[in-house]
Amino acid sequence: MEIFKTKTALRAFLEPLKASGLKIALVPTMGALHNGHISLIKLAQQNADVIICSIFVNPTQFTDPKDLEKYPRPIEHDLAMLEEAGCNGVFMPDVKEMYPEKEDWHIDLGKAEFLLEGEFRRGHYQGVTQIVNKLFDAVKPDVAMFGQKDFQQVLMIKNMLKHFNLPITIITCPIIREEDGLAMSSRNIHLSEKDRKNALVLSKSLQFVIDHFNEYSLSQLEEKAEALYAGIEGVELDYFTIANGETLEPAKSKEEGNLVALVAAKVGTTRLIDNMIIK
């Protein structure tokens, strides 16, 4: 497994591989890897010949400086996981490599940018698309892998691809969960034992919607799912919604084709998100 700190070194490695007709996959991460990330690597291996994983904690997508500061960076652990998974190369630039000078970035990502996470983390998706576009430019992948857990992020990246007309296929990978249902996340390490137990309400509330979808109306499903959070000490619900998966607008009818239930909550001091696709 090769490790690259600069775009120049990365391109020198990739250009002859591309010239020989090999298909390149990019798995963008911010490190603190877990089995959810490794599932992206495995799926990438089914869709491409050469797998590049990027590890870069991107400052422009953090709306809270403290969140950026405390983001975990267990780099030796991450590299060991990637090597074992059979990753071909790791791109680990520093901030100056990706942002050599101050730049203005703003693109039209559509109305969905300002819904859900966009409402709670203003500017977040501008920062996400800014760095993903830079990574796409550095790697020029044929395919790129993103996890379903960041459902809204995947939608924003697809909107960015349309904006720039980039010839990259986005593959969305299913959420990987712990045995008890908690969605794997780099943020889970910040949960205390009590918080970890309380965090299970996110997946339980989503599963409630899946299990009872045919029994109740959309508004009743949301109401009953939200009620599961009542009285759980240290859990603060930001939103629970059943939305149209294309627009993230609240679903108006069960007949809409692409429905998804999404939730965000603060558990202790850690903010978690989760979702389940209904149909």
C-alpha atoms as a PDB file:
ATOM      1  CA  MET A   1       0.000   0.000   0.000  1.00  0.00           C
ATOM      2  CA  GLU A   2       1.413   3.341  -1.091  1.00  0.00           C
ATOM      3  CA  ILE A   3       1.042   6.527   0.968  1.00  0.00           C
ATOM      4  CA  PHE A   4       0.937   9.942  -0.727  1.00  0.00           C
ATOM      5  CA  LYS A   5       1.177  13.358   0.915  1.00  0.00           C
ATOM      6  CA  THR A   6       1.017  15.451  -2.266  1.00  0.00           C
ATOM      7  CA  LYS A   7      -1.242  15.619  -5.318  1.00  0.00           C
ATOM      8  CA  THR A   8       1.844  15.476  -7.546  1.00  0.00           C
ATOM      9  CA  ALA A   9       3.015  12.150  -6.077  1.00  0.00           C
ATOM     10  CA  LEU A  10      -0.508  10.733  -6.219  1.00  0.00           C
ATOM     11  CA  ARG A  11      -0.959  11.670  -9.870  1.00  0.00           C
ATOM     12  CA  ALA A  12       2.448  10.212 -10.796  1.00  0.00           C
ATOM     13  CA  PHE A  13       1.280   6.910  -9.288  1.00  0.00           C
ATOM     14  CA  LEU A  14      -2.161   6.942 -10.927  1.00  0.00           C
ATOM     15  CA  GLU A  15      -1.445   8.195 -14.446  1.00  0.00           C
ATOM     16  CA  PRO A  16       0.265   5.038 -15.774  1.00  0.00           C
ATOM     17  CA  LEU A  17      -2.452   2.883 -14.191  1.00  0.00           C
ATOM     18  CA  LYS A  18      -5.158   4.911 -15.919  1.00  0.00           C
ATOM     19  CA  ALA A  19      -3.225   4.808 -19.185  1.00  0.00           C
ATOM     20  CA  SER A  20      -3.247   1.012 -19.011  1.00  0.00           C
ATOM     21  CA  GLY A  21      -7.057   1.077 -18.722  1.00  0.00           C
ATOM     22  CA  LEU A  22      -7.447   0.314 -15.031  1.00  0.00           C
ATOM     23  CA  LYS A  23     -10.536   1.661 -13.271  1.00  0.00           C
ATOM     24  CA  ILE A  24      -9.901   3.907 -10.244  1.00  0.00           C
ATOM     25  CA  ALA A  25     -12.123   4.173  -7.158  1.00  0.00           C
ATOM     26  CA  LEU A  26     -11.896   6.881  -4.498  1.00  0.00           C
ATOM     27  CA  VAL A  27     -13.061   6.374  -0.919  1.00  0.00           C
ATOM     28  CA  PRO A  28     -12.978   9.813   0.758  1.00  0.00           C
ATOM     29  CA  THR A  29     -12.740   9.750   4.576  1.00  0.00           C
ATOM     30  CA  MET A  30     -11.743  11.945   7.483  1.00  0.00           C
ATOM     31  CA  GLY A  31     -10.022   9.018   9.178  1.00  0.00           C
ATOM     32  CA  ALA A  32     -10.969   7.472  12.537  1.00  0.00           C
ATOM     33  CA  LEU A  33     -11.919   4.456  10.456  1.00  0.00           C
ATOM     34  CA  HIS A  34     -14.304   1.683  11.481  1.00  0.00           C
ATOM     35  CA  ASN A  35     -15.913  -1.288   9.747  1.00  0.00           C
ATOM     36  CA  GLY A  36     -18.333   1.019   7.969  1.00  0.00           C
ATOM     37  CA  HIS A  37     -15.397   2.574   6.124  1.00  0.00           C
ATOM     38  CA  ILE A  38     -13.940  -0.848   5.382  1.00  0.00           C
ATOM     39  CA  SER A  39     -17.254  -1.852   3.804  1.00  0.00           C
ATOM     40  CA  LEU A  40     -16.713   1.062   1.385  1.00  0.00           C
ATOM     41  CA  ILE A  41     -13.273  -0.319   0.501  1.00  0.00           C
ATOM     42  CA  LYS A  42     -14.729  -3.794  -0.086  1.00  0.00           C
ATOM     43  CA  LEU A  43     -17.510  -2.444  -2.290  1.00  0.00           C
ATOM     44  CA  ALA A  44     -14.966  -0.322  -4.176  1.00  0.00           C
ATOM     45  CA  GLN A  45     -12.963  -3.477  -4.895  1.00  0.00           C
ATOM     46  CA  GLN A  46     -16.033  -4.944  -6.606  1.00  0.00           C
ATOM     47  CA  ASN A  47     -16.364  -1.872  -8.826  1.00  0.00           C
ATOM     48  CA  ALA A  48     -12.786  -0.871  -9.676  1.00  0.00           C
ATOM     49  CA  ASP A  49      -9.213  -2.145 -10.095  1.00  0.00           C
ATOM     50  CA  VAL A  50      -7.323   0.402  -7.993  1.00  0.00           C
ATOM     51  CA  ILE A  51      -8.614   1.721  -4.659  1.00  0.00           C
ATOM     52  CA  ILE A  52      -7.463   5.065  -3.267  1.00  0.00           C
ATOM     53  CA  CYS A  53      -8.625   6.085   0.200  1.00  0.00           C
ATOM     54  CA  SER A  54      -8.166   9.695   1.285  1.00  0.00           C
ATOM     55  CA  ILE A  55      -7.736  10.687   4.921  1.00  0.00           C
ATOM     56  CA  PHE A  56      -8.188  14.407   5.459  1.00  0.00           C
ATOM     57  CA  VAL A  57      -9.947  16.218   8.300  1.00  0.00           C
ATOM     58  CA  ASN A  58     -11.401  19.064   6.263  1.00  0.00           C
ATOM     59  CA  PRO A  59     -11.584  22.354   8.193  1.00  0.00           C
ATOM     60  CA  THR A  60     -14.071  24.075   5.865  1.00  0.00           C
ATOM     61  CA  GLN A  61     -16.944  21.705   6.692  1.00  0.00           C
ATOM     62  CA  PHE A  62     -16.824  22.176  10.462  1.00  0.00           C
ATOM     63  CA  THR A  63     -19.252  24.797  11.684  1.00  0.00           C
ATOM     64  CA  ASP A  64     -17.921  24.462  15.258  1.00  0.00           C
ATOM     65  CA  PRO A  65     -14.129  24.926  15.771  1.00  0.00           C
ATOM     66  CA  LYS A  66     -14.268  22.754  18.916  1.00  0.00           C
ATOM     67  CA  ASP A  67     -15.714  19.899  16.844  1.00  0.00           C
ATOM     68  CA  LEU A  68     -12.758  20.171  14.451  1.00  0.00           C
ATOM     69  CA  GLU A  69     -10.290  20.251  17.333  1.00  0.00           C
ATOM     70  CA  LYS A  70     -11.633  17.117  19.021  1.00  0.00           C
ATOM     71  CA  TYR A  71     -12.131  15.081  15.837  1.00  0.00           C
ATOM     72  CA  PRO A  72     -10.242  11.781  16.395  1.00  0.00           C
ATOM     73  CA  ARG A  73      -7.066  11.184  14.356  1.00  0.00           C
ATOM     74  CA  PRO A  74      -5.776   7.627  15.079  1.00  0.00           C
ATOM     75  CA  ILE A  75      -3.630   7.496  11.942  1.00  0.00           C
ATOM     76  CA  GLU A  76      -1.607   4.324  12.676  1.00  0.00           C
ATOM     77  CA  HIS A  77      -4.809   2.415  13.431  1.00  0.00           C
ATOM     78  CA  ASP A  78      -6.363   3.735  10.190  1.00  0.00           C
ATOM     79  CA  LEU A  79      -3.409   2.750   8.011  1.00  0.00           C
ATOM     80  CA  ALA A  80      -3.321  -0.750   9.516  1.00  0.00           C
ATOM     81  CA  MET A  81      -7.035  -1.205   8.760  1.00  0.00           C
ATOM     82  CA  LEU A  82      -6.608  -0.012   5.167  1.00  0.00           C
ATOM     83  CA  GLU A  83      -3.604  -2.243   4.537  1.00  0.00           C
ATOM     84  CA  GLU A  84      -5.450  -5.268   5.872  1.00  0.00           C
ATOM     85  CA  ALA A  85      -8.461  -4.396   3.681  1.00  0.00           C
ATOM     86  CA  GLY A  86      -6.266  -4.389   0.563  1.00  0.00           C
ATOM     87  CA  CYS A  87      -6.399  -0.660  -0.205  1.00  0.00           C
ATOM     88  CA  ASN A  88      -3.865   0.246  -2.928  1.00  0.00           C
ATOM     89  CA  GLY A  89      -3.062   3.810  -1.939  1.00  0.00           C
ATOM     90  CA  VAL A  90      -3.760   6.369   0.772  1.00  0.00           C
ATOM     91  CA  PHE A  91      -3.823  10.101   0.084  1.00  0.00           C
ATOM     92  CA  MET A  92      -2.993  11.969   3.304  1.00  0.00           C
ATOM     93  CA  PRO A  93      -2.431  15.642   2.451  1.00  0.00           C
ATOM     94  CA  ASP A  94      -2.003  18.422   4.987  1.00  0.00           C
ATOM     95  CA  VAL A  95      -4.225  21.506   5.006  1.00  0.00           C
ATOM     96  CA  LYS A  96      -1.720  23.586   3.032  1.00  0.00           C
ATOM     97  CA  GLU A  97      -1.627  20.975   0.253  1.00  0.00           C
ATOM     98  CA  MET A  98      -5.400  21.165  -0.196  1.00  0.00           C
ATOM     99  CA  TYR A  99      -5.793  24.877   0.571  1.00  0.00           C
ATOM    100  CA  PRO A 100      -2.568  26.566  -0.590  1.00  0.00           C
ATOM    101  CA  GLU A 101      -4.307  29.937  -0.530  1.00  0.00           C
ATOM    102  CA  LYS A 102      -7.582  31.425   0.658  1.00  0.00           C
ATOM    103  CA  GLU A 103     -10.375  30.748  -1.751  1.00  0.00           C
ATOM    104  CA  ASP A 104     -14.023  31.621  -2.111  1.00  0.00           C
ATOM    105  CA  TRP A 105     -16.310  28.680  -2.775  1.00  0.00           C
ATOM    106  CA  HIS A 106     -20.019  28.766  -3.234  1.00  0.00           C
ATOM    107  CA  ILE A 107     -22.097  26.702  -5.636  1.00  0.00           C
ATOM    108  CA  ASP A 108     -25.836  26.210  -5.968  1.00  0.00           C
ATOM    109  CA  LEU A 109     -26.638  22.858  -4.344  1.00  0.00           C
ATOM    110  CA  GLY A 110     -30.395  23.320  -4.496  1.00  0.00           C
ATOM    111  CA  LYS A 111     -32.991  23.843  -1.769  1.00  0.00           C
ATOM    112  CA  ALA A 112     -32.037  20.620   0.011  1.00  0.00           C
ATOM    113  CA  GLU A 113     -28.777  22.242   1.177  1.00  0.00           C
ATOM    114  CA  PHE A 114     -30.727  24.274   3.726  1.00  0.00           C
ATOM    115  CA  LEU A 115     -32.934  21.495   5.073  1.00  0.00           C
ATOM    116  CA  LEU A 116     -32.237  19.106   7.996  1.00  0.00           C
ATOM    117  CA  GLU A 117     -28.451  19.127   8.558  1.00  0.00           C
ATOM    118  CA  GLY A 118     -28.213  22.306   6.486  1.00  0.00           C
ATOM    119  CA  GLU A 119     -30.444  24.067   8.978  1.00  0.00           C
ATOM    120  CA  PHE A 120     -28.367  22.999  11.981  1.00  0.00           C
ATOM    121  CA  ARG A 121     -24.938  23.317  10.318  1.00  0.00           C
ATOM    122  CA  ARG A 122     -25.065  26.320   8.001  1.00  0.00           C
ATOM    123  CA  GLY A 123     -22.371  26.194   5.341  1.00  0.00           C
ATOM    124  CA  HIS A 124     -21.478  22.577   6.094  1.00  0.00           C
ATOM    125  CA  TYR A 125     -22.286  21.261   2.619  1.00  0.00           C
ATOM    126  CA  GLN A 126     -20.404  24.058   0.901  1.00  0.00           C
ATOM    127  CA  GLY A 127     -17.319  22.864   2.810  1.00  0.00           C
ATOM    128  CA  VAL A 128     -18.058  19.212   1.993  1.00  0.00           C
ATOM    129  CA  THR A 129     -18.457  19.823  -1.731  1.00  0.00           C
ATOM    130  CA  GLN A 130     -15.418  22.100  -1.758  1.00  0.00           C
ATOM    131  CA  ILE A 131     -13.097  19.372  -0.468  1.00  0.00           C
ATOM    132  CA  VAL A 132     -14.736  16.530  -2.401  1.00  0.00           C
ATOM    133  CA  ASN A 133     -14.291  18.502  -5.618  1.00  0.00           C
ATOM    134  CA  LYS A 134     -10.598  18.958  -4.736  1.00  0.00           C
ATOM    135  CA  LEU A 135     -10.234  15.220  -4.076  1.00  0.00           C
ATOM    136  CA  PHE A 136     -11.982  14.396  -7.351  1.00  0.00           C
ATOM    137  CA  ASP A 137      -9.562  16.739  -9.130  1.00  0.00           C
ATOM    138  CA  ALA A 138      -6.541  15.099  -7.453  1.00  0.00           C
ATOM    139  CA  VAL A 139      -7.599  11.488  -8.097  1.00  0.00           C
ATOM    140  CA  LYS A 140      -9.866  11.802 -11.165  1.00  0.00           C
ATOM    141  CA  PRO A 141     -11.650   8.582 -10.158  1.00  0.00           C
ATOM    142  CA  ASP A 142     -14.068   6.595 -12.281  1.00  0.00           C
ATOM    143  CA  VAL A 143     -16.176   5.799  -9.218  1.00  0.00           C
ATOM    144  CA  ALA A 144     -16.407   7.223  -5.702  1.00  0.00           C
ATOM    145  CA  MET A 145     -17.869   5.536  -2.635  1.00  0.00           C
ATOM    146  CA  PHE A 146     -19.958   7.298   0.013  1.00  0.00           C
ATOM    147  CA  GLY A 147     -21.849   5.898   2.984  1.00  0.00           C
ATOM    148  CA  GLN A 148     -25.630   6.064   3.218  1.00  0.00           C
ATOM    149  CA  LYS A 149     -25.365   7.239   6.846  1.00  0.00           C
ATOM    150  CA  ASP A 150     -24.637  10.727   5.495  1.00  0.00           C
ATOM    151  CA  PHE A 151     -27.697  10.540   3.241  1.00  0.00           C
ATOM    152  CA  GLN A 152     -27.952  14.284   2.698  1.00  0.00           C
ATOM    153  CA  GLN A 153     -24.233  14.538   1.961  1.00  0.00           C
ATOM    154  CA  VAL A 154     -24.528  11.990  -0.851  1.00  0.00           C
ATOM    155  CA  LEU A 155     -27.366  14.021  -2.360  1.00  0.00           C
ATOM    156  CA  MET A 156     -25.284  17.225  -2.172  1.00  0.00           C
ATOM    157  CA  ILE A 157     -22.304  15.537  -3.839  1.00  0.00           C
ATOM    158  CA  LYS A 158     -24.531  14.258  -6.642  1.00  0.00           C
ATOM    159  CA  ASN A 159     -25.835  17.811  -7.084  1.00  0.00           C
ATOM    160  CA  MET A 160     -22.235  19.056  -7.266  1.00  0.00           C
ATOM    161  CA  LEU A 161     -21.446  16.472  -9.964  1.00  0.00           C
ATOM    162  CA  LYS A 162     -24.358  17.781 -12.027  1.00  0.00           C
ATOM    163  CA  HIS A 163     -23.199  21.377 -11.435  1.00  0.00           C
ATOM    164  CA  PHE A 164     -19.734  20.664 -12.880  1.00  0.00           C
ATOM    165  CA  ASN A 165     -20.844  17.861 -15.216  1.00  0.00           C
ATOM    166  CA  LEU A 166     -18.201  15.501 -13.792  1.00  0.00           C
ATOM    167  CA  PRO A 167     -17.971  11.984 -15.314  1.00  0.00           C
ATOM    168  CA  ILE A 168     -17.816  10.134 -11.976  1.00  0.00           C
ATOM    169  CA  THR A 169     -20.190   7.408 -10.785  1.00  0.00           C
ATOM    170  CA  ILE A 170     -21.279   7.761  -7.149  1.00  0.00           C
ATOM    171  CA  ILE A 171     -21.940   4.482  -5.347  1.00  0.00           C
ATOM    172  CA  THR A 172     -23.879   4.741  -2.086  1.00  0.00           C
ATOM    173  CA  CYS A 173     -22.953   2.046   0.416  1.00  0.00           C
ATOM    174  CA  PRO A 174     -25.399   0.685   3.035  1.00  0.00           C
ATOM    175  CA  ILE A 175     -25.082   1.711   6.681  1.00  0.00           C
ATOM    176  CA  ILE A 176     -23.034  -0.718   8.777  1.00  0.00           C
ATOM    177  CA  ARG A 177     -24.428  -1.180  12.270  1.00  0.00           C
ATOM    178  CA  GLU A 178     -23.241  -2.587  15.566  1.00  0.00           C
ATOM    179  CA  GLU A 179     -25.003  -5.769  16.696  1.00  0.00           C
ATOM    180  CA  ASP A 180     -27.450  -3.718  18.779  1.00  0.00           C
ATOM    181  CA  GLY A 181     -28.367  -1.475  15.838  1.00  0.00           C
ATOM    182  CA  LEU A 182     -26.254   1.625  16.476  1.00  0.00           C
ATOM    183  CA  ALA A 183     -24.944   3.046  13.206  1.00  0.00           C
ATOM    184  CA  MET A 184     -21.142   2.925  13.120  1.00  0.00           C
ATOM    185  CA  SER A 185     -19.638   6.395  13.352  1.00  0.00           C
ATOM    186  CA  SER A 186     -16.268   7.929  14.165  1.00  0.00           C
ATOM    187  CA  ARG A 187     -18.119  10.027  16.748  1.00  0.00           C
ATOM    188  CA  ASN A 188     -19.253   6.998  18.765  1.00  0.00           C
ATOM    189  CA  ILE A 189     -15.956   6.945  20.665  1.00  0.00           C
ATOM    190  CA  HIS A 190     -17.082  10.127  22.451  1.00  0.00           C
ATOM    191  CA  LEU A 191     -20.129   8.366  23.938  1.00  0.00           C
ATOM    192  CA  SER A 192     -20.007   7.409  27.612  1.00  0.00           C
ATOM    193  CA  GLU A 193     -21.368   3.995  28.576  1.00  0.00           C
ATOM    194  CA  LYS A 194     -24.724   5.569  29.466  1.00  0.00           C
ATOM    195  CA  ASP A 195     -24.776   7.680  26.281  1.00  0.00           C
ATOM    196  CA  ARG A 196     -23.940   4.622  24.191  1.00  0.00           C
ATOM    197  CA  LYS A 197     -27.007   2.846  25.584  1.00  0.00           C
ATOM    198  CA  ASN A 198     -29.226   5.920  25.118  1.00  0.00           C
ATOM    199  CA  ALA A 199     -28.013   6.355  21.525  1.00  0.00           C
ATOM    200  CA  LEU A 200     -29.876   3.176  20.549  1.00  0.00           C
ATOM    201  CA  VAL A 201     -33.087   5.225  20.473  1.00  0.00           C
ATOM    202  CA  LEU A 202     -32.045   6.599  17.061  1.00  0.00           C
ATOM    203  CA  SER A 203     -32.052   3.233  15.301  1.00  0.00           C
ATOM    204  CA  LYS A 204     -35.078   2.057  17.315  1.00  0.00           C
ATOM    205  CA  SER A 205     -37.155   5.067  16.246  1.00  0.00           C
ATOM    206  CA  LEU A 206     -36.209   4.540  12.593  1.00  0.00           C
ATOM    207  CA  GLN A 207     -36.964   0.827  12.805  1.00  0.00           C
ATOM    208  CA  PHE A 208     -40.350   1.685  14.327  1.00  0.00           C
ATOM    209  CA  VAL A 209     -41.234   3.541  11.111  1.00  0.00           C
ATOM    210  CA  ILE A 210     -40.115   0.599   8.962  1.00  0.00           C
ATOM    211  CA  ASP A 211     -42.018  -1.947  11.071  1.00  0.00           C
ATOM    212  CA  HIS A 212     -45.250   0.055  11.342  1.00  0.00           C
ATOM    213  CA  PHE A 213     -45.237   1.849   7.994  1.00  0.00           C
ATOM    214  CA  ASN A 214     -48.508   0.268   6.839  1.00  0.00           C
ATOM    215  CA  GLU A 215     -50.315   0.776  10.166  1.00  0.00           C
ATOM    216  CA  TYR A 216     -50.160   4.544  10.602  1.00  0.00           C
ATOM    217  CA  SER A 217     -50.236   7.756   8.585  1.00  0.00           C
ATOM    218  CA  LEU A 218     -46.947   9.611   7.940  1.00  0.00           C
ATOM    219  CA  SER A 219     -47.710  12.191  10.625  1.00  0.00           C
ATOM    220  CA  GLN A 220     -48.638   9.460  13.142  1.00  0.00           C
ATOM    221  CA  LEU A 221     -45.419   7.574  12.366  1.00  0.00           C
ATOM    222  CA  GLU A 222     -43.345  10.707  13.002  1.00  0.00           C
ATOM    223  CA  GLU A 223     -45.282  11.512  16.168  1.00  0.00           C
ATOM    224  CA  LYS A 224     -44.889   8.018  17.615  1.00  0.00           C
ATOM    225  CA  ALA A 225     -41.193   7.847  16.645  1.00  0.00           C
ATOM    226  CA  GLU A 226     -40.530  11.207  18.301  1.00  0.00           C
ATOM    227  CA  ALA A 227     -42.361  10.037  21.429  1.00  0.00           C
ATOM    228  CA  LEU A 228     -39.686   7.368  21.940  1.00  0.00           C
ATOM    229  CA  TYR A 229     -37.241  10.179  22.833  1.00  0.00           C
ATOM    230  CA  ALA A 230     -39.399  11.572  25.626  1.00  0.00           C
ATOM    231  CA  GLY A 231     -37.878  11.157  29.040  1.00  0.00           C
ATOM    232  CA  ILE A 232     -34.498   9.834  27.911  1.00  0.00           C
ATOM    233  CA  GLU A 233     -32.093  11.900  29.996  1.00  0.00           C
ATOM    234  CA  GLY A 234     -29.253  13.482  28.013  1.00  0.00           C
ATOM    235  CA  VAL A 235     -30.842  12.950  24.592  1.00  0.00           C
ATOM    236  CA  GLU A 236     -31.975  16.027  22.683  1.00  0.00           C
ATOM    237  CA  LEU A 237     -33.799  15.437  19.395  1.00  0.00           C
ATOM    238  CA  ASP A 238     -32.936  17.888  16.608  1.00  0.00           C
ATOM    239  CA  TYR A 239     -35.282  16.405  14.030  1.00  0.00           C
ATOM    240  CA  PHE A 240     -37.086  13.259  12.992  1.00  0.00           C
ATOM    241  CA  THR A 241     -38.628  13.295   9.541  1.00  0.00           C
ATOM    242  CA  ILE A 242     -39.969  11.078   6.803  1.00  0.00           C
ATOM    243  CA  ALA A 243     -38.792  12.763   3.637  1.00  0.00           C
ATOM    244  CA  ASN A 244     -38.691  12.450  -0.109  1.00  0.00           C
ATOM    245  CA  GLY A 245     -35.263  10.952  -0.788  1.00  0.00           C
ATOM    246  CA  GLU A 246     -34.715  13.133  -3.861  1.00  0.00           C
ATOM    247  CA  THR A 247     -35.590  16.523  -2.353  1.00  0.00           C
ATOM    248  CA  LEU A 248     -35.484  15.938   1.448  1.00  0.00           C
ATOM    249  CA  GLU A 249     -38.781  17.827   1.653  1.00  0.00           C
ATOM    250  CA  PRO A 250     -41.248  16.262   4.102  1.00  0.00           C
ATOM    251  CA  ALA A 251     -43.073  13.419   2.358  1.00  0.00           C
ATOM    252  CA  LYS A 252     -46.646  14.303   1.465  1.00  0.00           C
ATOM    253  CA  SER A 253     -47.805  10.794   0.617  1.00  0.00           C
ATOM    254  CA  LYS A 254     -46.788   7.182   1.158  1.00  0.00           C
ATOM    255  CA  GLU A 255     -47.071   6.782  -2.599  1.00  0.00           C
ATOM    256  CA  GLU A 256     -43.968   8.899  -3.214  1.00  0.00           C
ATOM    257  CA  GLY A 257     -41.380   6.600  -4.718  1.00  0.00           C
ATOM    258  CA  ASN A 258     -38.257   7.232  -2.692  1.00  0.00           C
ATOM    259  CA  LEU A 259     -38.978   7.669   1.021  1.00  0.00           C
ATOM    260  CA  VAL A 260     -36.414   7.864   3.792  1.00  0.00           C
ATOM    261  CA  ALA A 261     -36.686   8.394   7.548  1.00  0.00           C
ATOM    262  CA  LEU A 262     -33.933  10.618   8.935  1.00  0.00           C
ATOM    263  CA  VAL A 263     -33.008  11.572  12.472  1.00  0.00           C
ATOM    264  CA  ALA A 264     -30.442  13.724  14.277  1.00  0.00           C
ATOM    265  CA  ALA A 265     -30.025  13.980  18.029  1.00  0.00           C
ATOM    266  CA  LYS A 266     -27.503  15.134  20.580  1.00  0.00           C
ATOM    267  CA  VAL A 267     -26.619  12.277  22.921  1.00  0.00           C
ATOM    268  CA  GLY A 268     -24.660  13.633  25.863  1.00  0.00           C
ATOM    269  CA  THR A 269     -22.216  16.000  24.142  1.00  0.00           C
ATOM    270  CA  THR A 270     -22.130  14.038  20.862  1.00  0.00           C
ATOM    271  CA  ARG A 271     -24.382  14.777  17.899  1.00  0.00           C
ATOM    272  CA  LEU A 272     -25.426  11.683  15.938  1.00  0.00           C
ATOM    273  CA  ILE A 273     -27.324  11.187  12.693  1.00  0.00           C
ATOM    274  CA  ASP A 274     -28.964   8.100  11.238  1.00  0.00           C
ATOM    275  CA  ASN A 275     -31.479   7.120   8.576  1.00  0.00           C
ATOM    276  CA  MET A 276     -33.301   4.178   7.053  1.00  0.00           C
ATOM    277  CA  ILE A 277     -34.633   3.964   3.516  1.00  0.00           C
ATOM    278  CA  ILE A 278     -38.304   3.018   3.558  1.00  0.00           C
ATOM    279  CA  LYS A 279     -38.800   2.198  -0.111  1.00  0.00           C
END
